[in-house]
Amino acid sequence: MPNIVQVQKTEVLKCKLRHAFLAVQHCASVWQECARQQEVQLKELFNLCEQYQCCYEANVESLELPASLNEVKSKLLYVIVEKIEQKLCAVQATICEFQKSYDKVNQARINAFEQKPDMVYLTESRAMSPTLATMLEWLDDTERQ
C-alpha cells in the first residue's frame, strides 16, 4: 500500500503533466493554424512571383505602342514587387508566431529536466499515467510534426 508522501508526489506530478499536456495541445493548435496560414500566404506569394516573371519577360518594347504604355511595364513590376514584399512580411509574422510556440515547448522540456524529479517517476509507468520519459518523447514527436 503506497504511503501518503508517494500519493502526494504522484498527484503533484499528475497535475503538472495535465498542465503540460494542455500546453502541448495549445501549441499544436497554434502550429496547425500557422501551417494553414502559411499555405495560403505561400500560394499567393507563388502567384505574385509568376506574375512578376511573366511581366518581366514580356517584350513590350518591341511593340509599336505609345511611350506612355511602355512605362506601364515598369510601373506594374514595381507594384508586384511591393505586393511580394508585403506577402513576405506576412509570412515572416506567421513564422514568428510558430517560433514563439516552438520556444514554449522547448522551455517546458528544459524546465522538466531542471526540476530533477525522482527517477522512479521518470521510469515507472502507473495505471493512470505513462512515465515522464514517455511524455517527453511525445513532446519531442509533437515538435517534429
C-alpha atoms as a PDB file:
ATOM      1  CA  MET A   1       0.000   0.000   0.000  1.00  0.00           C
ATOM      2  CA  PRO A   2       1.519   3.350  -1.029  1.00  0.00           C
ATOM      3  CA  ASN A   3       2.278   5.840   1.689  1.00  0.00           C
ATOM      4  CA  ILE A   4       0.873   9.371   1.834  1.00  0.00           C
ATOM      5  CA  VAL A   5       4.080  11.020   0.555  1.00  0.00           C
ATOM      6  CA  GLN A   6       4.115   8.863  -2.568  1.00  0.00           C
ATOM      7  CA  VAL A   7       0.447   9.616  -3.229  1.00  0.00           C
ATOM      8  CA  GLN A   8       1.059  13.355  -2.832  1.00  0.00           C
ATOM      9  CA  LYS A   9       4.060  13.245  -5.176  1.00  0.00           C
ATOM     10  CA  THR A  10       2.016  11.298  -7.680  1.00  0.00           C
ATOM     11  CA  GLU A  11      -0.827  13.823  -7.524  1.00  0.00           C
ATOM     12  CA  VAL A  12       1.562  16.757  -7.953  1.00  0.00           C
ATOM     13  CA  LEU A  13       3.186  15.041 -10.911  1.00  0.00           C
ATOM     14  CA  LYS A  14      -0.198  14.260 -12.479  1.00  0.00           C
ATOM     15  CA  CYS A  15      -1.255  17.881 -12.081  1.00  0.00           C
ATOM     16  CA  LYS A  16       1.943  19.121 -13.719  1.00  0.00           C
ATOM     17  CA  LEU A  17       1.610  16.623 -16.547  1.00  0.00           C
ATOM     18  CA  ARG A  18      -2.006  17.634 -17.172  1.00  0.00           C
ATOM     19  CA  HIS A  19      -0.858  21.241 -17.349  1.00  0.00           C
ATOM     20  CA  ALA A  20       1.945  20.260 -19.735  1.00  0.00           C
ATOM     21  CA  PHE A  21      -0.483  18.303 -21.894  1.00  0.00           C
ATOM     22  CA  LEU A  22      -2.807  21.311 -22.164  1.00  0.00           C
ATOM     23  CA  ALA A  23       0.154  23.488 -23.123  1.00  0.00           C
ATOM     24  CA  VAL A  24       1.186  20.999 -25.806  1.00  0.00           C
ATOM     25  CA  GLN A  25      -2.382  20.833 -27.070  1.00  0.00           C
ATOM     26  CA  HIS A  26      -2.460  24.626 -27.324  1.00  0.00           C
ATOM     27  CA  CYS A  27       0.894  24.684 -29.122  1.00  0.00           C
ATOM     28  CA  ALA A  28      -0.259  22.021 -31.557  1.00  0.00           C
ATOM     29  CA  SER A  29      -3.350  24.066 -32.432  1.00  0.00           C
ATOM     30  CA  VAL A  30      -1.164  27.163 -32.917  1.00  0.00           C
ATOM     31  CA  TRP A  31       1.151  25.159 -35.184  1.00  0.00           C
ATOM     32  CA  GLN A  32      -1.778  23.893 -37.251  1.00  0.00           C
ATOM     33  CA  GLU A  33      -3.116  27.426 -37.636  1.00  0.00           C
ATOM     34  CA  CYS A  34       0.345  28.691 -38.626  1.00  0.00           C
ATOM     35  CA  ALA A  35       0.650  25.922 -41.208  1.00  0.00           C
ATOM     36  CA  ARG A  36      -2.772  26.778 -42.648  1.00  0.00           C
ATOM     37  CA  GLN A  37      -1.888  30.471 -42.854  1.00  0.00           C
ATOM     38  CA  GLN A  38       1.482  29.706 -44.399  1.00  0.00           C
ATOM     39  CA  GLU A  39      -0.105  27.552 -47.074  1.00  0.00           C
ATOM     40  CA  VAL A  40      -2.432  30.374 -48.142  1.00  0.00           C
ATOM     41  CA  GLN A  41       0.298  33.019 -48.000  1.00  0.00           C
ATOM     42  CA  LEU A  42       2.807  30.908 -49.908  1.00  0.00           C
ATOM     43  CA  LYS A  43       0.275  30.196 -52.663  1.00  0.00           C
ATOM     44  CA  GLU A  44      -0.359  33.923 -53.012  1.00  0.00           C
ATOM     45  CA  LEU A  45       3.376  34.608 -52.988  1.00  0.00           C
ATOM     46  CA  PHE A  46       3.940  31.983 -55.683  1.00  0.00           C
ATOM     47  CA  ASN A  47       1.198  33.568 -57.793  1.00  0.00           C
ATOM     48  CA  LEU A  48       2.792  37.019 -57.437  1.00  0.00           C
ATOM     49  CA  CYS A  49       6.188  35.623 -58.428  1.00  0.00           C
ATOM     50  CA  GLU A  50       4.657  34.087 -61.548  1.00  0.00           C
ATOM     51  CA  GLN A  51       3.055  37.429 -62.395  1.00  0.00           C
ATOM     52  CA  TYR A  52       6.376  39.188 -61.927  1.00  0.00           C
ATOM     53  CA  GLN A  53       8.185  36.702 -64.159  1.00  0.00           C
ATOM     54  CA  CYS A  54       5.585  36.958 -66.932  1.00  0.00           C
ATOM     55  CA  CYS A  55       5.567  40.746 -66.775  1.00  0.00           C
ATOM     56  CA  TYR A  56       9.370  40.918 -66.721  1.00  0.00           C
ATOM     57  CA  GLU A  57       9.694  38.603 -69.718  1.00  0.00           C
ATOM     58  CA  ALA A  58       7.046  40.457 -71.747  1.00  0.00           C
ATOM     59  CA  ASN A  59       8.672  42.131 -74.723  1.00  0.00           C
ATOM     60  CA  VAL A  60       6.600  45.323 -74.664  1.00  0.00           C
ATOM     61  CA  GLU A  61       9.424  47.461 -76.057  1.00  0.00           C
ATOM     62  CA  SER A  62       9.346  45.677 -79.418  1.00  0.00           C
ATOM     63  CA  LEU A  63       5.702  46.570 -79.941  1.00  0.00           C
ATOM     64  CA  GLU A  64       4.916  49.842 -81.640  1.00  0.00           C
ATOM     65  CA  LEU A  65       2.988  51.417 -78.787  1.00  0.00           C
ATOM     66  CA  PRO A  66       2.966  54.954 -77.449  1.00  0.00           C
ATOM     67  CA  ALA A  67       5.788  55.688 -74.985  1.00  0.00           C
ATOM     68  CA  SER A  68       3.340  56.082 -72.107  1.00  0.00           C
ATOM     69  CA  LEU A  69       2.244  52.456 -72.492  1.00  0.00           C
ATOM     70  CA  ASN A  70       5.856  51.274 -72.321  1.00  0.00           C
ATOM     71  CA  GLU A  71       6.053  52.764 -68.824  1.00  0.00           C
ATOM     72  CA  VAL A  72       3.183  50.536 -67.740  1.00  0.00           C
ATOM     73  CA  LYS A  73       5.524  47.538 -67.561  1.00  0.00           C
ATOM     74  CA  SER A  74       7.902  49.205 -65.117  1.00  0.00           C
ATOM     75  CA  LYS A  75       5.015  50.502 -63.006  1.00  0.00           C
ATOM     76  CA  LEU A  76       3.402  47.082 -62.962  1.00  0.00           C
ATOM     77  CA  LEU A  77       6.685  45.440 -61.966  1.00  0.00           C
ATOM     78  CA  TYR A  78       7.022  47.964 -59.138  1.00  0.00           C
ATOM     79  CA  VAL A  79       3.506  47.207 -57.849  1.00  0.00           C
ATOM     80  CA  ILE A  80       4.118  43.460 -57.997  1.00  0.00           C
ATOM     81  CA  VAL A  81       7.401  43.809 -56.086  1.00  0.00           C
ATOM     82  CA  GLU A  82       5.617  45.833 -53.388  1.00  0.00           C
ATOM     83  CA  LYS A  83       2.961  43.134 -53.029  1.00  0.00           C
ATOM     84  CA  ILE A  84       5.644  40.431 -52.870  1.00  0.00           C
ATOM     85  CA  GLU A  85       7.358  42.333 -50.056  1.00  0.00           C
ATOM     86  CA  GLN A  86       4.051  42.625 -48.179  1.00  0.00           C
ATOM     87  CA  LYS A  87       3.458  38.886 -48.519  1.00  0.00           C
ATOM     88  CA  LEU A  88       6.982  38.154 -47.310  1.00  0.00           C
ATOM     89  CA  CYS A  89       6.304  40.286 -44.217  1.00  0.00           C
ATOM     90  CA  ALA A  90       3.108  38.324 -43.575  1.00  0.00           C
ATOM     91  CA  VAL A  91       4.988  35.034 -43.959  1.00  0.00           C
ATOM     92  CA  GLN A  92       7.641  36.266 -41.544  1.00  0.00           C
ATOM     93  CA  ALA A  93       4.979  37.236 -38.975  1.00  0.00           C
ATOM     94  CA  THR A  94       3.436  33.771 -39.168  1.00  0.00           C
ATOM     95  CA  ILE A  95       6.846  32.155 -38.777  1.00  0.00           C
ATOM     96  CA  CYS A  96       7.463  34.319 -35.689  1.00  0.00           C
ATOM     97  CA  GLU A  97       4.209  33.047 -34.144  1.00  0.00           C
ATOM     98  CA  PHE A  98       5.306  29.496 -34.850  1.00  0.00           C
ATOM     99  CA  GLN A  99       8.714  30.211 -33.305  1.00  0.00           C
ATOM    100  CA  LYS A 100       7.128  31.573 -30.104  1.00  0.00           C
ATOM    101  CA  SER A 101       5.064  28.416 -29.717  1.00  0.00           C
ATOM    102  CA  TYR A 102       8.080  26.237 -30.501  1.00  0.00           C
ATOM    103  CA  ASP A 103      10.122  28.076 -27.862  1.00  0.00           C
ATOM    104  CA  LYS A 104       7.401  27.458 -25.262  1.00  0.00           C
ATOM    105  CA  VAL A 105       7.566  23.715 -25.885  1.00  0.00           C
ATOM    106  CA  ASN A 106      11.345  23.700 -25.653  1.00  0.00           C
ATOM    107  CA  GLN A 107      11.245  25.731 -22.439  1.00  0.00           C
ATOM    108  CA  ALA A 108       8.769  23.253 -20.956  1.00  0.00           C
ATOM    109  CA  ARG A 109      11.157  20.417 -21.783  1.00  0.00           C
ATOM    110  CA  ILE A 110      14.061  22.275 -20.191  1.00  0.00           C
ATOM    111  CA  ASN A 111      12.015  23.021 -17.064  1.00  0.00           C
ATOM    112  CA  ALA A 112      11.058  19.354 -16.740  1.00  0.00           C
ATOM    113  CA  PHE A 113      14.704  18.335 -16.678  1.00  0.00           C
ATOM    114  CA  GLU A 114      15.769  21.171 -14.363  1.00  0.00           C
ATOM    115  CA  GLN A 115      13.296  20.168 -11.683  1.00  0.00           C
ATOM    116  CA  LYS A 116      15.022  16.760 -11.428  1.00  0.00           C
ATOM    117  CA  PRO A 117      12.124  14.557 -10.339  1.00  0.00           C
ATOM    118  CA  ASP A 118      12.753  11.196  -8.696  1.00  0.00           C
ATOM    119  CA  MET A 119      13.968   8.508 -11.084  1.00  0.00           C
ATOM    120  CA  VAL A 120      11.018   6.309 -10.105  1.00  0.00           C
ATOM    121  CA  TYR A 121       8.602   8.770 -11.684  1.00  0.00           C
ATOM    122  CA  LEU A 122      10.743   9.019 -14.793  1.00  0.00           C
ATOM    123  CA  THR A 123      10.946   5.299 -15.410  1.00  0.00           C
ATOM    124  CA  GLU A 124       7.932   3.568 -13.848  1.00  0.00           C
ATOM    125  CA  SER A 125       4.552   3.584 -15.529  1.00  0.00           C
ATOM    126  CA  ARG A 126       1.413   3.893 -13.393  1.00  0.00           C
ATOM    127  CA  ALA A 127      -2.108   2.667 -14.056  1.00  0.00           C
ATOM    128  CA  MET A 128      -3.307   6.247 -14.556  1.00  0.00           C
ATOM    129  CA  SER A 129      -0.336   7.737 -16.385  1.00  0.00           C
ATOM    130  CA  PRO A 130       2.657   6.800 -18.523  1.00  0.00           C
ATOM    131  CA  THR A 131       6.200   7.560 -17.475  1.00  0.00           C
ATOM    132  CA  LEU A 132       7.502  11.106 -17.670  1.00  0.00           C
ATOM    133  CA  ALA A 133      10.100   9.880 -20.147  1.00  0.00           C
ATOM    134  CA  THR A 134       7.294   8.657 -22.425  1.00  0.00           C
ATOM    135  CA  MET A 135       5.529  12.002 -22.172  1.00  0.00           C
ATOM    136  CA  LEU A 136       8.737  13.830 -23.035  1.00  0.00           C
ATOM    137  CA  GLU A 137       9.026  11.575 -26.083  1.00  0.00           C
ATOM    138  CA  TRP A 138       5.508  12.683 -27.024  1.00  0.00           C
ATOM    139  CA  LEU A 139       6.627  16.295 -26.739  1.00  0.00           C
ATOM    140  CA  ASP A 140       9.575  15.516 -28.973  1.00  0.00           C
ATOM    141  CA  ASP A 141       7.317  13.788 -31.520  1.00  0.00           C
ATOM    142  CA  THR A 142       4.935  16.756 -31.445  1.00  0.00           C
ATOM    143  CA  GLU A 143       7.853  19.093 -32.048  1.00  0.00           C
ATOM    144  CA  ARG A 144       8.925  17.122 -35.121  1.00  0.00           C
ATOM    145  CA  GLN A 145       5.458  17.328 -36.656  1.00  0.00           C
END
